[in-house]
Amino acid sequence: MKEMTFGNEFMNDLILQPILFMGMLSLVMMLLLYATRIPAARVLEAEGVDLQKLSHPAQLGGVFPSKVERFADNYNHLWEQPTLFYAVVLAIWALDHTDALHLYVAWAYCGLRLLHSVVQVTSNRVWVRFSLFFLSWMALAFMLVRETLRAAGMAD
């Protein structure tokens, strides 16, 4: 297969950039998680709460304010569905199947996940969040099915 170029960069390598974006989103959410959780934990300690008794995640539900818990929830969400995204993107890259459509859909996925994160940690509007989650799944499903068909030689 002839290597497609975009400017000075190889087209196939451009598919790796969305993985880096998602990594940065995870890093930002981890930093915000600790920036909110540590002060909230100190308040609980000042109120006499023994944090050691809350060492298991199941015991934390409802202990921290909702805004603090939303950062933790979002951080955890970034280790669920996006792991399949990473695998699909790496398969596309390894098979040298990157094209403009895969790039657009990968970046759409990233944008939808960013919006999902922003909504979850701010207004936490359930239907908005669900819609963004569903749309991101549709983008991921499109990439997965398309690449599966291409890898099987059933599509070009």
Protein backbone atom coordinates (compact mmCIF):
# COMPACT_ATOMS: atom_id res chain seq x y z
CA MET A 1 0.00 0.00 0.00
CA LYS A 2 1.33 3.43 -0.91
CA GLU A 3 1.94 5.64 2.13
CA MET A 4 -0.38 8.66 2.11
CA THR A 5 1.04 11.91 3.37
CA PHE A 6 -0.50 14.97 4.93
CA GLY A 7 1.96 17.83 4.81
CA ASN A 8 5.21 16.43 6.16
CA GLU A 9 3.56 13.76 8.29
CA PHE A 10 2.58 10.28 7.28
CA MET A 11 -1.18 9.90 7.24
CA ASN A 12 -1.04 6.57 9.08
CA ASP A 13 0.77 8.09 12.07
CA LEU A 14 -1.87 10.83 12.43
CA ILE A 15 -4.31 8.26 13.83
CA LEU A 16 -2.15 8.07 16.96
CA GLN A 17 -2.81 11.71 17.91
CA PRO A 18 -6.34 11.05 19.23
CA ILE A 19 -4.85 8.50 21.66
CA LEU A 20 -2.56 11.22 23.00
CA PHE A 21 -5.52 13.57 23.29
CA MET A 22 -7.46 11.00 25.32
CA GLY A 23 -4.38 10.45 27.49
CA MET A 24 -4.19 14.18 28.18
CA LEU A 25 -7.91 14.26 28.99
CA SER A 26 -7.35 11.43 31.49
CA LEU A 27 -4.40 13.30 33.00
CA VAL A 28 -6.41 16.51 33.40
CA MET A 29 -9.29 14.62 35.01
CA MET A 30 -6.87 12.85 37.39
CA LEU A 31 -5.41 16.20 38.44
CA LEU A 32 -8.89 17.68 38.94
CA LEU A 33 -9.90 14.56 40.87
CA TYR A 34 -7.11 15.12 43.37
CA ALA A 35 -7.56 18.89 43.39
CA THR A 36 -11.15 18.37 44.58
CA ARG A 37 -10.82 15.17 46.63
CA ILE A 38 -7.85 16.12 48.84
CA PRO A 39 -9.47 19.34 50.18
CA ALA A 40 -12.77 17.47 50.69
CA ALA A 41 -10.95 14.70 52.56
CA ARG A 42 -9.27 17.25 54.81
CA VAL A 43 -12.68 18.73 55.67
CA LEU A 44 -13.95 15.26 56.56
CA GLU A 45 -10.90 14.63 58.76
CA ALA A 46 -11.46 17.97 60.50
CA GLU A 47 -15.03 16.83 61.18
CA GLY A 48 -13.69 13.67 62.84
CA VAL A 49 -14.24 11.18 60.02
CA ASP A 50 -11.73 8.32 60.03
CA LEU A 51 -10.70 8.17 56.36
CA GLN A 52 -9.14 4.75 56.85
CA LYS A 53 -12.65 3.36 57.35
CA LEU A 54 -13.42 4.63 53.84
CA SER A 55 -10.52 2.83 52.19
CA HIS A 56 -12.75 0.73 49.89
CA PRO A 57 -14.46 2.56 46.99
CA ALA A 58 -17.85 1.05 47.88
CA GLN A 59 -17.68 2.87 51.23
CA LEU A 60 -17.15 6.27 49.59
CA GLY A 61 -20.59 6.59 47.97
CA GLY A 62 -22.26 9.73 49.28
CA VAL A 63 -19.41 10.66 51.63
CA PHE A 64 -17.95 13.37 49.41
CA PRO A 65 -20.01 16.18 47.91
CA SER A 66 -21.51 15.38 44.50
CA LYS A 67 -19.16 17.74 42.67
CA VAL A 68 -16.16 15.89 44.13
CA GLU A 69 -17.61 12.47 43.29
CA ARG A 70 -18.35 13.52 39.70
CA PHE A 71 -14.63 14.08 39.03
CA ALA A 72 -13.85 10.60 40.35
CA ASP A 73 -16.70 9.07 38.36
CA ASN A 74 -15.53 10.75 35.17
CA TYR A 75 -11.94 9.68 35.71
CA ASN A 76 -13.13 6.08 36.11
CA HIS A 77 -15.25 6.38 32.95
CA LEU A 78 -12.14 7.34 31.00
CA TRP A 79 -10.74 3.86 31.75
CA GLU A 80 -13.80 2.01 30.49
CA GLN A 81 -15.06 2.63 26.93
CA PRO A 82 -11.92 4.46 25.74
CA THR A 83 -9.82 1.32 26.19
CA LEU A 84 -11.62 -0.19 23.19
CA PHE A 85 -10.99 3.07 21.31
CA TYR A 86 -7.25 2.69 21.97
CA ALA A 87 -7.29 -0.90 20.70
CA VAL A 88 -9.22 0.00 17.54
CA VAL A 89 -6.95 2.95 16.78
CA LEU A 90 -3.85 0.82 17.29
CA ALA A 91 -5.28 -1.84 14.97
CA ILE A 92 -5.98 0.79 12.30
CA TRP A 93 -2.43 2.09 12.69
CA ALA A 94 -0.79 -1.36 12.73
CA LEU A 95 -2.65 -2.44 9.60
CA ASP A 96 -1.79 0.86 7.88
CA HIS A 97 -5.49 1.56 7.28
CA THR A 98 -5.57 5.21 8.32
CA ASP A 99 -7.57 7.41 6.00
CA ALA A 100 -9.39 10.73 6.30
CA LEU A 101 -12.64 9.06 7.40
CA HIS A 102 -10.99 7.19 10.25
CA LEU A 103 -9.24 10.41 11.31
CA TYR A 104 -12.46 12.44 11.30
CA VAL A 105 -14.34 9.81 13.28
CA ALA A 106 -11.49 9.36 15.79
CA TRP A 107 -11.38 13.11 16.42
CA ALA A 108 -15.18 13.22 16.64
CA TYR A 109 -14.95 10.50 19.30
CA CYS A 110 -12.41 12.59 21.22
CA GLY A 111 -14.55 15.72 20.99
CA LEU A 112 -17.61 13.83 22.21
CA ARG A 113 -15.66 12.34 25.13
CA LEU A 114 -14.33 15.80 26.03
CA LEU A 115 -17.86 17.22 26.01
CA HIS A 116 -19.08 14.23 28.05
CA SER A 117 -16.38 14.95 30.65
CA VAL A 118 -17.20 18.67 30.79
CA VAL A 119 -20.91 17.97 31.22
CA GLN A 120 -20.32 15.32 33.88
CA VAL A 121 -18.07 17.48 36.06
CA THR A 122 -20.16 20.65 35.69
CA SER A 123 -23.94 20.50 35.21
CA ASN A 124 -24.10 16.68 35.12
CA ARG A 125 -27.27 16.85 33.00
CA VAL A 126 -28.12 13.16 32.64
CA TRP A 127 -29.81 13.28 29.22
CA VAL A 128 -27.10 15.49 27.74
CA ARG A 129 -24.43 13.20 29.16
CA PHE A 130 -26.23 10.10 27.93
CA SER A 131 -26.58 11.59 24.44
CA LEU A 132 -22.87 12.40 24.29
CA PHE A 133 -22.01 8.92 25.57
CA PHE A 134 -24.28 7.30 22.98
CA LEU A 135 -22.87 9.41 20.13
CA SER A 136 -19.32 8.58 21.19
CA TRP A 137 -20.27 4.88 21.16
CA MET A 138 -21.67 5.28 17.65
CA ALA A 139 -18.39 6.81 16.48
CA LEU A 140 -16.43 4.01 18.14
CA ALA A 141 -18.76 1.32 16.75
CA PHE A 142 -18.38 2.78 13.26
CA MET A 143 -14.59 2.63 13.52
CA LEU A 144 -14.68 -0.90 14.97
CA VAL A 145 -17.04 -2.35 12.34
CA ARG A 146 -15.33 -0.55 9.46
CA GLU A 147 -11.88 -1.70 10.53
CA THR A 148 -13.06 -5.25 11.18
CA LEU A 149 -14.47 -5.41 7.64
CA ARG A 150 -11.30 -3.89 6.18
CA ALA A 151 -9.05 -6.25 8.13
CA ALA A 152 -11.12 -9.20 6.92
CA GLY A 153 -10.79 -7.98 3.32
CA MET A 154 -14.53 -7.40 3.06
CA ALA A 155 -14.30 -3.64 2.52
CA ASP A 156 -11.85 -1.16 1.09
